[in-house]
């Protein structure tokens, strides 16, 4: 199996609620959009092409003083990897997210594509990280 490791430097950013502009259209805030673009760029450095099968994503958020909900941070990261690490975030069948206190803020993402063999459907990872 292949393990892909993506490292996103700096402070993790939680997905903001979509905002409504004067015309009544929803939009993503600039802060969220910029972080999604950083995640996208870092994923592109690692991935040749998007994975096509089911995917397991392990996210470790290293932070000094985390602001924002862990699920909203995961959403920003998953959205940022869409189209680069996988075609659609519906391919993510296993999601593990952990926050670790650290002075060196970053996010580390491990991606594993499920291998399907005859009568043996496995993630090929013996233990959770």
Protein backbone atom coordinates (compact mmCIF):
# COMPACT_ATOMS: atom_id res chain seq x y z
CA UNK A 1 0.00 0.00 0.00
CA UNK A 2 1.03 3.59 -0.45
CA UNK A 3 1.11 6.08 2.37
CA UNK A 4 1.12 9.73 1.36
CA UNK A 5 2.25 12.31 3.92
CA UNK A 6 1.29 15.94 3.45
CA UNK A 7 2.67 18.60 5.80
CA UNK A 8 1.00 22.01 5.95
CA UNK A 9 3.12 24.57 7.83
CA UNK A 10 1.66 27.15 10.18
CA UNK A 11 -1.49 27.51 12.22
CA UNK A 12 -4.50 25.41 11.20
CA UNK A 13 -7.59 27.36 10.11
CA UNK A 14 -11.15 26.29 10.88
CA UNK A 15 -13.75 26.44 8.12
CA UNK A 16 -15.86 29.58 8.61
CA UNK A 17 -19.57 29.47 8.09
CA UNK A 18 -20.35 30.61 4.55
CA UNK A 19 -21.15 34.33 4.38
CA UNK A 20 -23.77 36.06 2.27
CA UNK A 21 -22.73 38.93 -0.01
CA UNK A 22 -24.85 41.94 -0.97
CA UNK A 23 -26.24 40.02 -3.94
CA UNK A 24 -27.43 37.23 -1.66
CA UNK A 25 -24.82 34.69 -2.80
CA UNK A 26 -22.88 32.51 -0.38
CA UNK A 27 -19.10 32.82 -0.33
CA UNK A 28 -16.14 31.42 1.60
CA UNK A 29 -14.16 33.91 3.69
CA UNK A 30 -10.72 34.93 2.42
CA UNK A 31 -8.97 33.41 5.46
CA UNK A 32 -10.56 30.00 4.87
CA UNK A 33 -9.97 30.21 1.11
CA UNK A 34 -6.29 31.09 1.58
CA UNK A 35 -5.74 28.14 3.94
CA UNK A 36 -7.56 25.73 1.59
CA UNK A 37 -5.25 26.96 -1.21
CA UNK A 38 -2.17 26.32 0.96
CA UNK A 39 -3.40 22.78 1.75
CA UNK A 40 -4.09 22.26 -1.97
CA UNK A 41 -0.57 23.40 -2.91
CA UNK A 42 1.09 21.17 -0.28
CA UNK A 43 -1.00 18.17 -1.40
CA UNK A 44 0.01 18.80 -5.01
CA UNK A 45 3.70 18.62 -3.98
CA UNK A 46 3.12 15.04 -2.78
CA UNK A 47 0.40 13.63 -5.04
CA UNK A 48 0.95 12.86 -8.73
CA UNK A 49 -2.74 12.31 -9.32
CA UNK A 50 -5.84 12.00 -7.14
CA UNK A 51 -6.55 8.66 -5.50
CA UNK A 52 -9.60 7.03 -7.06
CA UNK A 53 -10.63 4.49 -4.41
CA UNK A 54 -11.82 4.77 -0.83
CA UNK A 55 -9.43 6.76 1.34
CA UNK A 56 -8.39 6.83 4.98
CA UNK A 57 -7.25 10.27 6.21
CA UNK A 58 -5.32 10.73 9.48
CA UNK A 59 -4.94 14.38 10.49
CA UNK A 60 -2.65 15.56 13.28
CA UNK A 61 -3.04 19.22 14.19
CA UNK A 62 -0.04 20.60 16.07
CA UNK A 63 -1.04 23.84 17.78
CA UNK A 64 0.00 26.17 20.59
CA UNK A 65 -3.45 27.40 21.45
CA UNK A 66 -6.04 25.94 19.13
CA UNK A 67 -8.99 28.12 18.21
CA UNK A 68 -11.86 26.69 16.27
CA UNK A 69 -13.57 23.34 16.42
CA UNK A 70 -11.59 20.26 15.44
CA UNK A 71 -14.29 19.22 12.93
CA UNK A 72 -14.22 22.61 11.18
CA UNK A 73 -10.44 22.43 10.87
CA UNK A 74 -10.73 18.93 9.39
CA UNK A 75 -13.31 20.23 6.90
CA UNK A 76 -10.95 22.97 5.68
CA UNK A 77 -8.18 20.42 5.19
CA UNK A 78 -10.44 17.90 3.42
CA UNK A 79 -11.84 20.60 1.12
CA UNK A 80 -8.32 21.84 0.35
CA UNK A 81 -7.21 18.35 -0.73
CA UNK A 82 -10.21 17.77 -3.02
CA UNK A 83 -9.19 17.37 -6.64
CA UNK A 84 -5.54 16.77 -5.71
CA UNK A 85 -5.38 13.99 -3.10
CA UNK A 86 -8.73 12.49 -4.14
CA UNK A 87 -11.45 13.40 -6.60
CA UNK A 88 -14.17 14.04 -4.02
CA UNK A 89 -14.15 14.07 -0.22
CA UNK A 90 -16.95 11.46 -0.30
CA UNK A 91 -14.11 8.99 -0.95
CA UNK A 92 -12.98 9.50 2.66
CA UNK A 93 -14.33 6.45 4.50
CA UNK A 94 -12.14 6.66 7.61
CA UNK A 95 -11.22 9.97 9.25
CA UNK A 96 -8.98 10.31 12.30
CA UNK A 97 -8.27 13.76 13.74
CA UNK A 98 -6.03 14.56 16.72
CA UNK A 99 -4.87 17.82 18.30
CA UNK A 100 -1.36 17.84 19.78
CA UNK A 101 0.05 20.70 21.86
CA UNK A 102 3.17 22.04 20.15
CA UNK A 103 5.12 25.25 19.78
CA UNK A 104 5.77 24.30 16.14
CA UNK A 105 2.36 24.75 14.54
CA UNK A 106 1.54 22.62 11.51
CA UNK A 107 -0.81 19.96 10.23
CA UNK A 108 0.36 16.50 9.18
CA UNK A 109 -1.96 14.48 6.97
CA UNK A 110 -1.50 10.78 6.17
CA UNK A 111 -3.53 9.36 3.27
CA UNK A 112 -4.02 5.68 2.55
CA UNK A 113 -6.05 4.24 -0.31
CA UNK A 114 -8.02 1.10 0.50
CA UNK A 115 -6.82 -1.99 -1.30
CA UNK A 116 -9.60 -4.34 -2.28
CA UNK A 117 -8.60 -7.95 -2.85
CA UNK A 118 -10.78 -11.00 -3.30
CA UNK A 119 -12.69 -11.51 -0.03
CA UNK A 120 -10.16 -9.35 1.78
CA UNK A 121 -11.14 -5.71 2.15
CA UNK A 122 -8.48 -3.98 4.23
CA UNK A 123 -6.81 -0.67 4.95
CA UNK A 124 -3.47 -2.46 5.27
CA UNK A 125 -2.63 -0.58 8.40
CA UNK A 126 -2.29 -2.79 11.43
CA UNK A 127 -3.10 -0.20 14.06
CA UNK A 128 -4.53 3.28 14.27
CA UNK A 129 -1.90 5.99 14.42
